[in-house]
Amino acid sequence: MANIDLRPKPGEPLYEVLRLGMTLDHVDGDGVYTFTRYSDNLVAEFKGMDATEIKFFDRTTTMSMTVPIAEISTTKSVLTWLGDNPTLEA
């Protein structure tokens, strides 16, 4: 029996947010996908599976950045206040 591959392809928005450790939270009526990494209070949003950019949002600081998909593919991580608080001692 052949395999059925349900994984997204590299370079697609879904692949990139999953690669960064995020989990689907919801999809709204306008087709905006919202993913979250709860441990870091990080949210990512993109419109449709053919989106060309993803908006990342740190819920703690309310800082955000919109990044083109081409740049996200080379991103190793998204730092947030909760995920990498510089005031905490190691």
PDB file of N, CA and C in Angstrom:
ATOM      1  N   MET A   1       0.846  -1.186   0.000  1.00  0.00           N
ATOM      2  CA  MET A   1       0.000   0.000   0.000  1.00  0.00           C
ATOM      3  C   MET A   1       0.890   1.247   0.000  1.00  0.00           C
ATOM      4  N   ALA A   2       0.561   2.212  -0.808  1.00  0.00           N
ATOM      5  CA  ALA A   2       1.302   3.467  -0.881  1.00  0.00           C
ATOM      6  C   ALA A   2       1.032   4.313   0.366  1.00  0.00           C
ATOM      7  N   ASN A   3       1.940   5.223   0.642  1.00  0.00           N
ATOM      8  CA  ASN A   3       1.760   6.137   1.764  1.00  0.00           C
ATOM      9  C   ASN A   3       0.887   7.310   1.352  1.00  0.00           C
ATOM     10  N   ILE A   4       0.099   7.781   2.281  1.00  0.00           N
ATOM     11  CA  ILE A   4      -0.645   9.023   2.099  1.00  0.00           C
ATOM     12  C   ILE A   4       0.085  10.067   2.926  1.00  0.00           C
ATOM     13  N   ASP A   5       0.616  11.066   2.255  1.00  0.00           N
ATOM     14  CA  ASP A   5       1.438  12.084   2.921  1.00  0.00           C
ATOM     15  C   ASP A   5       0.595  13.327   3.185  1.00  0.00           C
ATOM     16  N   LEU A   6       0.287  13.578   4.444  1.00  0.00           N
ATOM     17  CA  LEU A   6      -0.532  14.722   4.833  1.00  0.00           C
ATOM     18  C   LEU A   6       0.300  15.888   5.352  1.00  0.00           C
ATOM     19  N   ARG A   7       1.614  15.820   5.146  1.00  0.00           N
ATOM     20  CA  ARG A   7       2.486  16.890   5.624  1.00  0.00           C
ATOM     21  C   ARG A   7       2.520  18.045   4.620  1.00  0.00           C
ATOM     22  N   PRO A   8       2.551  19.295   5.129  1.00  0.00           N
ATOM     23  CA  PRO A   8       2.684  20.431   4.212  1.00  0.00           C
ATOM     24  C   PRO A   8       4.087  20.471   3.615  1.00  0.00           C
ATOM     25  N   LYS A   9       4.220  21.160   2.502  1.00  0.00           N
ATOM     26  CA  LYS A   9       5.508  21.262   1.818  1.00  0.00           C
ATOM     27  C   LYS A   9       6.346  22.392   2.404  1.00  0.00           C
ATOM     28  N   PRO A  10       7.660  22.218   2.468  1.00  0.00           N
ATOM     29  CA  PRO A  10       8.530  23.311   2.921  1.00  0.00           C
ATOM     30  C   PRO A  10       8.273  24.582   2.116  1.00  0.00           C
ATOM     31  N   GLY A  11       8.307  25.699   2.809  1.00  0.00           N
ATOM     32  CA  GLY A  11       8.065  26.984   2.168  1.00  0.00           C
ATOM     33  C   GLY A  11       6.625  27.430   2.212  1.00  0.00           C
ATOM     34  N   GLU A  12       5.704  26.527   2.539  1.00  0.00           N
ATOM     35  CA  GLU A  12       4.302  26.914   2.686  1.00  0.00           C
ATOM     36  C   GLU A  12       4.094  27.491   4.085  1.00  0.00           C
ATOM     37  N   PRO A  13       3.147  28.413   4.244  1.00  0.00           N
ATOM     38  CA  PRO A  13       2.924  29.013   5.568  1.00  0.00           C
ATOM     39  C   PRO A  13       2.663  27.976   6.660  1.00  0.00           C
ATOM     40  N   LEU A  14       1.859  26.976   6.367  1.00  0.00           N
ATOM     41  CA  LEU A  14       1.547  25.951   7.361  1.00  0.00           C
ATOM     42  C   LEU A  14       2.808  25.218   7.806  1.00  0.00           C
ATOM     43  N   TYR A  15       3.644  24.841   6.865  1.00  0.00           N
ATOM     44  CA  TYR A  15       4.900  24.155   7.185  1.00  0.00           C
ATOM     45  C   TYR A  15       5.751  25.017   8.112  1.00  0.00           C
ATOM     46  N   GLU A  16       5.868  26.297   7.767  1.00  0.00           N
ATOM     47  CA  GLU A  16       6.766  27.173   8.529  1.00  0.00           C
ATOM     48  C   GLU A  16       6.309  27.387   9.966  1.00  0.00           C
ATOM     49  N   VAL A  17       5.003  27.586  10.200  1.00  0.00           N
ATOM     50  CA  VAL A  17       4.567  27.784  11.590  1.00  0.00           C
ATOM     51  C   VAL A  17       4.672  26.484  12.389  1.00  0.00           C
ATOM     52  N   LEU A  18       4.406  25.358  11.751  1.00  0.00           N
ATOM     53  CA  LEU A  18       4.562  24.077  12.453  1.00  0.00           C
ATOM     54  C   LEU A  18       6.034  23.817  12.779  1.00  0.00           C
ATOM     55  N   ARG A  19       6.907  24.144  11.843  1.00  0.00           N
ATOM     56  CA  ARG A  19       8.351  23.973  12.063  1.00  0.00           C
ATOM     57  C   ARG A  19       8.838  24.813  13.244  1.00  0.00           C
ATOM     58  N   LEU A  20       8.201  25.946  13.471  1.00  0.00           N
ATOM     59  CA  LEU A  20       8.571  26.821  14.579  1.00  0.00           C
ATOM     60  C   LEU A  20       7.862  26.435  15.885  1.00  0.00           C
ATOM     61  N   GLY A  21       7.209  25.284  15.905  1.00  0.00           N
ATOM     62  CA  GLY A  21       6.627  24.754  17.137  1.00  0.00           C
ATOM     63  C   GLY A  21       5.263  25.290  17.501  1.00  0.00           C
ATOM     64  N   MET A  22       4.540  25.807  16.534  1.00  0.00           N
ATOM     65  CA  MET A  22       3.245  26.403  16.821  1.00  0.00           C
ATOM     66  C   MET A  22       2.110  25.416  16.578  1.00  0.00           C
ATOM     67  N   THR A  23       0.965  25.677  17.200  1.00  0.00           N
ATOM     68  CA  THR A  23      -0.213  24.822  17.132  1.00  0.00           C
ATOM     69  C   THR A  23      -1.394  25.632  16.629  1.00  0.00           C
ATOM     70  N   LEU A  24      -2.222  25.025  15.776  1.00  0.00           N
ATOM     71  CA  LEU A  24      -3.403  25.724  15.272  1.00  0.00           C
ATOM     72  C   LEU A  24      -4.333  26.073  16.425  1.00  0.00           C
ATOM     73  N   ASP A  25      -4.728  27.319  16.495  1.00  0.00           N
ATOM     74  CA  ASP A  25      -5.690  27.784  17.488  1.00  0.00           C
ATOM     75  C   ASP A  25      -7.080  27.855  16.854  1.00  0.00           C
ATOM     76  N   HIS A  26      -7.183  28.566  15.723  1.00  0.00           N
ATOM     77  CA  HIS A  26      -8.468  28.653  15.033  1.00  0.00           C
ATOM     78  C   HIS A  26      -8.293  29.258  13.637  1.00  0.00           C
ATOM     79  N   VAL A  27      -9.353  29.125  12.838  1.00  0.00           N
ATOM     80  CA  VAL A  27      -9.442  29.765  11.529  1.00  0.00           C
ATOM     81  C   VAL A  27     -10.729  30.580  11.554  1.00  0.00           C
ATOM     82  N   ASP A  28     -10.627  31.884  11.252  1.00  0.00           N
ATOM     83  CA  ASP A  28     -11.848  32.696  11.314  1.00  0.00           C
ATOM     84  C   ASP A  28     -12.610  32.649   9.987  1.00  0.00           C
ATOM     85  N   GLY A  29     -13.736  33.312   9.933  1.00  0.00           N
ATOM     86  CA  GLY A  29     -14.600  33.291   8.764  1.00  0.00           C
ATOM     87  C   GLY A  29     -13.987  33.905   7.515  1.00  0.00           C
ATOM     88  N   ASP A  30     -12.959  34.724   7.683  1.00  0.00           N
ATOM     89  CA  ASP A  30     -12.275  35.345   6.544  1.00  0.00           C
ATOM     90  C   ASP A  30     -11.091  34.515   6.056  1.00  0.00           C
ATOM     91  N   GLY A  31     -10.901  33.339   6.648  1.00  0.00           N
ATOM     92  CA  GLY A  31      -9.800  32.482   6.227  1.00  0.00           C
ATOM     93  C   GLY A  31      -8.460  32.832   6.843  1.00  0.00           C
ATOM     94  N   VAL A  32      -8.477  33.586   7.945  1.00  0.00           N
ATOM     95  CA  VAL A  32      -7.228  33.915   8.645  1.00  0.00           C
ATOM     96  C   VAL A  32      -6.932  32.792   9.634  1.00  0.00           C
ATOM     97  N   TYR A  33      -5.773  32.182   9.459  1.00  0.00           N
ATOM     98  CA  TYR A  33      -5.323  31.099  10.331  1.00  0.00           C
ATOM     99  C   TYR A  33      -4.548  31.702  11.491  1.00  0.00           C
ATOM    100  N   THR A  34      -4.873  31.264  12.704  1.00  0.00           N
ATOM    101  CA  THR A  34      -4.175  31.728  13.899  1.00  0.00           C
ATOM    102  C   THR A  34      -3.536  30.530  14.581  1.00  0.00           C
ATOM    103  N   PHE A  35      -2.217  30.613  14.733  1.00  0.00           N
ATOM    104  CA  PHE A  35      -1.438  29.580  15.415  1.00  0.00           C
ATOM    105  C   PHE A  35      -0.845  30.183  16.678  1.00  0.00           C
ATOM    106  N   THR A  36      -0.636  29.363  17.689  1.00  0.00           N
ATOM    107  CA  THR A  36      -0.118  29.839  18.972  1.00  0.00           C
ATOM    108  C   THR A  36       0.962  28.906  19.488  1.00  0.00           C
ATOM    109  N   ARG A  37       1.933  29.488  20.154  1.00  0.00           N
ATOM    110  CA  ARG A  37       2.879  28.725  20.967  1.00  0.00           C
ATOM    111  C   ARG A  37       2.652  29.246  22.379  1.00  0.00           C
ATOM    112  N   TYR A  38       1.762  28.550  23.087  1.00  0.00           N
ATOM    113  CA  TYR A  38       1.269  29.021  24.383  1.00  0.00           C
ATOM    114  C   TYR A  38       2.382  29.255  25.396  1.00  0.00           C
ATOM    115  N   SER A  39       3.394  28.412  25.405  1.00  0.00           N
ATOM    116  CA  SER A  39       4.458  28.531  26.402  1.00  0.00           C
ATOM    117  C   SER A  39       5.207  29.854  26.293  1.00  0.00           C
ATOM    118  N   ASP A  40       5.210  30.453  25.099  1.00  0.00           N
ATOM    119  CA  ASP A  40       5.935  31.706  24.886  1.00  0.00           C
ATOM    120  C   ASP A  40       5.015  32.899  24.661  1.00  0.00           C
ATOM    121  N   ASN A  41       3.695  32.659  24.741  1.00  0.00           N
ATOM    122  CA  ASN A  41       2.699  33.714  24.506  1.00  0.00           C
ATOM    123  C   ASN A  41       2.840  34.300  23.094  1.00  0.00           C
ATOM    124  N   LEU A  42       3.172  33.446  22.142  1.00  0.00           N
ATOM    125  CA  LEU A  42       3.406  33.838  20.760  1.00  0.00           C
ATOM    126  C   LEU A  42       2.222  33.457  19.882  1.00  0.00           C
ATOM    127  N   VAL A  43       1.819  34.383  19.013  1.00  0.00           N
ATOM    128  CA  VAL A  43       0.739  34.150  18.060  1.00  0.00           C
ATOM    129  C   VAL A  43       1.273  34.419  16.657  1.00  0.00           C
ATOM    130  N   ALA A  44       0.845  33.604  15.695  1.00  0.00           N
ATOM    131  CA  ALA A  44       1.159  33.838  14.286  1.00  0.00           C
ATOM    132  C   ALA A  44      -0.136  33.796  13.498  1.00  0.00           C
ATOM    133  N   GLU A  45      -0.278  34.721  12.554  1.00  0.00           N
ATOM    134  CA  GLU A  45      -1.480  34.761  11.727  1.00  0.00           C
ATOM    135  C   GLU A  45      -1.095  34.904  10.262  1.00  0.00           C
ATOM    136  N   PHE A  46      -1.863  34.214   9.411  1.00  0.00           N
ATOM    137  CA  PHE A  46      -1.724  34.405   7.970  1.00  0.00           C
ATOM    138  C   PHE A  46      -3.059  34.129   7.312  1.00  0.00           C
ATOM    139  N   LYS A  47      -3.279  34.755   6.165  1.00  0.00           N
ATOM    140  CA  LYS A  47      -4.559  34.612   5.472  1.00  0.00           C
ATOM    141  C   LYS A  47      -4.424  33.625   4.325  1.00  0.00           C
ATOM    142  N   GLY A  48      -5.013  32.467   4.512  1.00  0.00           N
ATOM    143  CA  GLY A  48      -5.023  31.453   3.467  1.00  0.00           C
ATOM    144  C   GLY A  48      -3.723  30.691   3.343  1.00  0.00           C
ATOM    145  N   MET A  49      -3.826  29.501   2.767  1.00  0.00           N
ATOM    146  CA  MET A  49      -2.647  28.646   2.617  1.00  0.00           C
ATOM    147  C   MET A  49      -1.688  29.134   1.541  1.00  0.00           C
ATOM    148  N   ASP A  50      -2.111  30.142   0.787  1.00  0.00           N
ATOM    149  CA  ASP A  50      -1.218  30.709  -0.227  1.00  0.00           C
ATOM    150  C   ASP A  50      -0.652  32.064   0.207  1.00  0.00           C
ATOM    151  N   ALA A  51      -0.700  32.340   1.512  1.00  0.00           N
ATOM    152  CA  ALA A  51      -0.199  33.612   2.045  1.00  0.00           C
ATOM    153  C   ALA A  51       1.279  33.787   1.710  1.00  0.00           C
ATOM    154  N   THR A  52       1.684  35.035   1.538  1.00  0.00           N
ATOM    155  CA  THR A  52       3.081  35.337   1.227  1.00  0.00           C
ATOM    156  C   THR A  52       3.825  35.909   2.433  1.00  0.00           C
ATOM    157  N   GLU A  53       3.094  36.120   3.534  1.00  0.00           N
ATOM    158  CA  GLU A  53       3.720  36.625   4.751  1.00  0.00           C
ATOM    159  C   GLU A  53       2.959  36.133   5.973  1.00  0.00           C
ATOM    160  N   ILE A  54       3.655  36.150   7.101  1.00  0.00           N
ATOM    161  CA  ILE A  54       3.067  35.732   8.377  1.00  0.00           C
ATOM    162  C   ILE A  54       3.330  36.835   9.394  1.00  0.00           C
ATOM    163  N   LYS A  55       2.301  37.184  10.157  1.00  0.00           N
ATOM    164  CA  LYS A  55       2.454  38.174  11.226  1.00  0.00           C
ATOM    165  C   LYS A  55       2.646  37.434  12.542  1.00  0.00           C
ATOM    166  N   PHE A  56       3.733  37.745  13.236  1.00  0.00           N
ATOM    167  CA  PHE A  56       4.022  37.188  14.556  1.00  0.00           C
ATOM    168  C   PHE A  56       3.736  38.262  15.599  1.00  0.00           C
ATOM    169  N   PHE A  57       3.168  37.829  16.740  1.00  0.00           N
ATOM    170  CA  PHE A  57       2.728  38.763  17.768  1.00  0.00           C
ATOM    171  C   PHE A  57       3.066  38.200  19.144  1.00  0.00           C
ATOM    172  N   ASP A  58       3.768  38.983  19.959  1.00  0.00           N
ATOM    173  CA  ASP A  58       4.081  38.601  21.338  1.00  0.00           C
ATOM    174  C   ASP A  58       2.980  39.189  22.222  1.00  0.00           C
ATOM    175  N   ARG A  59       2.162  38.334  22.798  1.00  0.00           N
ATOM    176  CA  ARG A  59       1.039  38.807  23.619  1.00  0.00           C
ATOM    177  C   ARG A  59       1.496  39.522  24.890  1.00  0.00           C
ATOM    178  N   THR A  60       2.683  39.225  25.370  1.00  0.00           N
ATOM    179  CA  THR A  60       3.164  39.862  26.597  1.00  0.00           C
ATOM    180  C   THR A  60       3.556  41.310  26.352  1.00  0.00           C
ATOM    181  N   THR A  61       4.328  41.554  25.296  1.00  0.00           N
ATOM    182  CA  THR A  61       4.825  42.901  25.019  1.00  0.00           C
ATOM    183  C   THR A  61       3.953  43.663  24.036  1.00  0.00           C
ATOM    184  N   THR A  62       3.058  42.995  23.354  1.00  0.00           N
ATOM    185  CA  THR A  62       2.216  43.492  22.262  1.00  0.00           C
ATOM    186  C   THR A  62       3.044  43.918  21.041  1.00  0.00           C
ATOM    187  N   MET A  63       4.297  43.489  20.974  1.00  0.00           N
ATOM    188  CA  MET A  63       5.131  43.777  19.803  1.00  0.00           C
ATOM    189  C   MET A  63       4.820  42.754  18.715  1.00  0.00           C
ATOM    190  N   SER A  64       4.888  43.208  17.466  1.00  0.00           N
ATOM    191  CA  SER A  64       4.615  42.307  16.358  1.00  0.00           C
ATOM    192  C   SER A  64       5.559  42.580  15.199  1.00  0.00           C
ATOM    193  N   MET A  65       5.630  41.610  14.291  1.00  0.00           N
ATOM    194  CA  MET A  65       6.439  41.756  13.092  1.00  0.00           C
ATOM    195  C   MET A  65       5.806  40.906  11.998  1.00  0.00           C
ATOM    196  N   THR A  66       5.705  41.475  10.810  1.00  0.00           N
ATOM    197  CA  THR A  66       5.221  40.741   9.646  1.00  0.00           C
ATOM    198  C   THR A  66       6.426  40.354   8.805  1.00  0.00           C
ATOM    199  N   VAL A  67       6.516  39.061   8.497  1.00  0.00           N
ATOM    200  CA  VAL A  67       7.705  38.532   7.836  1.00  0.00           C
ATOM    201  C   VAL A  67       7.306  37.789   6.560  1.00  0.00           C
ATOM    202  N   PRO A  68       7.982  38.064   5.443  1.00  0.00           N
ATOM    203  CA  PRO A  68       7.714  37.318   4.210  1.00  0.00           C
ATOM    204  C   PRO A  68       8.069  35.836   4.375  1.00  0.00           C
ATOM    205  N   ILE A  69       7.307  34.970   3.724  1.00  0.00           N
ATOM    206  CA  ILE A  69       7.543  33.526   3.810  1.00  0.00           C
ATOM    207  C   ILE A  69       8.984  33.179   3.451  1.00  0.00           C
ATOM    208  N   ALA A  70       9.546  33.825   2.441  1.00  0.00           N
ATOM    209  CA  ALA A  70      10.917  33.530   2.015  1.00  0.00           C
ATOM    210  C   ALA A  70      11.922  33.732   3.146  1.00  0.00           C
ATOM    211  N   GLU A  71      11.688  34.705   4.020  1.00  0.00           N
ATOM    212  CA  GLU A  71      12.582  34.960   5.151  1.00  0.00           C
ATOM    213  C   GLU A  71      12.329  33.983   6.299  1.00  0.00           C
ATOM    214  N   ILE A  72      11.089  33.565   6.463  1.00  0.00           N
ATOM    215  CA  ILE A  72      10.760  32.659   7.563  1.00  0.00           C
ATOM    216  C   ILE A  72      11.448  31.314   7.387  1.00  0.00           C
ATOM    217  N   SER A  73      11.627  30.891   6.145  1.00  0.00           N
ATOM    218  CA  SER A  73      12.243  29.583   5.911  1.00  0.00           C
ATOM    219  C   SER A  73      13.672  29.509   6.435  1.00  0.00           C
ATOM    220  N   THR A  74      14.317  30.645   6.645  1.00  0.00           N
ATOM    221  CA  THR A  74      15.679  30.651   7.206  1.00  0.00           C
ATOM    222  C   THR A  74      15.700  31.041   8.687  1.00  0.00           C
ATOM    223  N   THR A  75      14.515  31.249   9.269  1.00  0.00           N
ATOM    224  CA  THR A  75      14.403  31.638  10.676  1.00  0.00           C
ATOM    225  C   THR A  75      14.499  30.403  11.568  1.00  0.00           C
ATOM    226  N   LYS A  76      15.351  30.478  12.592  1.00  0.00           N
ATOM    227  CA  LYS A  76      15.513  29.353  13.516  1.00  0.00           C
ATOM    228  C   LYS A  76      14.495  29.393  14.644  1.00  0.00           C
ATOM    229  N   SER A  77      14.140  30.606  15.093  1.00  0.00           N
ATOM    230  CA  SER A  77      13.190  30.719  16.194  1.00  0.00           C
ATOM    231  C   SER A  77      12.610  32.129  16.235  1.00  0.00           C
ATOM    232  N   VAL A  78      11.553  32.281  17.012  1.00  0.00           N
ATOM    233  CA  VAL A  78      10.942  33.584  17.257  1.00  0.00           C
ATOM    234  C   VAL A  78      11.055  33.820  18.757  1.00  0.00           C
ATOM    235  N   LEU A  79      11.775  34.861  19.127  1.00  0.00           N
ATOM    236  CA  LEU A  79      12.001  35.145  20.545  1.00  0.00           C
ATOM    237  C   LEU A  79      10.888  36.032  21.086  1.00  0.00           C
ATOM    238  N   THR A  80      10.414  35.701  22.287  1.00  0.00           N
ATOM    239  CA  THR A  80       9.404  36.497  22.983  1.00  0.00           C
ATOM    240  C   THR A  80       9.879  36.748  24.409  1.00  0.00           C
ATOM    241  N   TRP A  81       9.184  37.647  25.087  1.00  0.00           N
ATOM    242  CA  TRP A  81       9.558  37.974  26.462  1.00  0.00           C
ATOM    243  C   TRP A  81       9.465  36.750  27.373  1.00  0.00           C
ATOM    244  N   LEU A  82       8.372  35.990  27.253  1.00  0.00           N
ATOM    245  CA  LEU A  82       8.224  34.809  28.092  1.00  0.00           C
ATOM    246  C   LEU A  82       9.193  33.690  27.699  1.00  0.00           C
ATOM    247  N   GLY A  83       9.457  33.575  26.410  1.00  0.00           N
ATOM    248  CA  GLY A  83      10.300  32.497  25.928  1.00  0.00           C
ATOM    249  C   GLY A  83      11.785  32.733  26.155  1.00  0.00           C
ATOM    250  N   ASP A  84      12.191  34.006  26.203  1.00  0.00           N
ATOM    251  CA  ASP A  84      13.612  34.329  26.339  1.00  0.00           C
ATOM    252  C   ASP A  84      13.771  35.626  27.114  1.00  0.00           C
ATOM    253  N   ASN A  85      13.239  35.664  28.331  1.00  0.00           N
ATOM    254  CA  ASN A  85      13.255  36.863  29.153  1.00  0.00           C
ATOM    255  C   ASN A  85      14.690  37.183  29.564  1.00  0.00           C
ATOM    256  N   PRO A  86      15.233  38.317  29.095  1.00  0.00           N
ATOM    257  CA  PRO A  86      16.625  38.650  29.405  1.00  0.00           C
ATOM    258  C   PRO A  86      16.867  39.076  30.853  1.00  0.00           C
ATOM    259  N   THR A  87      15.792  39.291  31.626  1.00  0.00           N
ATOM    260  CA  THR A  87      15.976  39.717  33.013  1.00  0.00           C
ATOM    261  C   THR A  87      16.107  38.533  33.970  1.00  0.00           C
ATOM    262  N   LEU A  88      15.841  37.311  33.478  1.00  0.00           N
ATOM    263  CA  LEU A  88      15.948  36.138  34.338  1.00  0.00           C
ATOM    264  C   LEU A  88      17.360  35.600  34.313  1.00  0.00           C
ATOM    265  N   GLU A  89      17.847  35.176  35.466  1.00  0.00           N
ATOM    266  CA  GLU A  89      19.180  34.607  35.536  1.00  0.00           C
ATOM    267  C   GLU A  89      19.134  33.172  35.033  1.00  0.00           C
ATOM    268  N   ALA A  90      20.207  32.799  34.379  1.00  0.00           N
ATOM    269  CA  ALA A  90      20.292  31.413  33.840  1.00  0.00           C
ATOM    270  C   ALA A  90      20.570  30.430  34.942  1.00  0.00           C
TER     271      ALA A  90
END
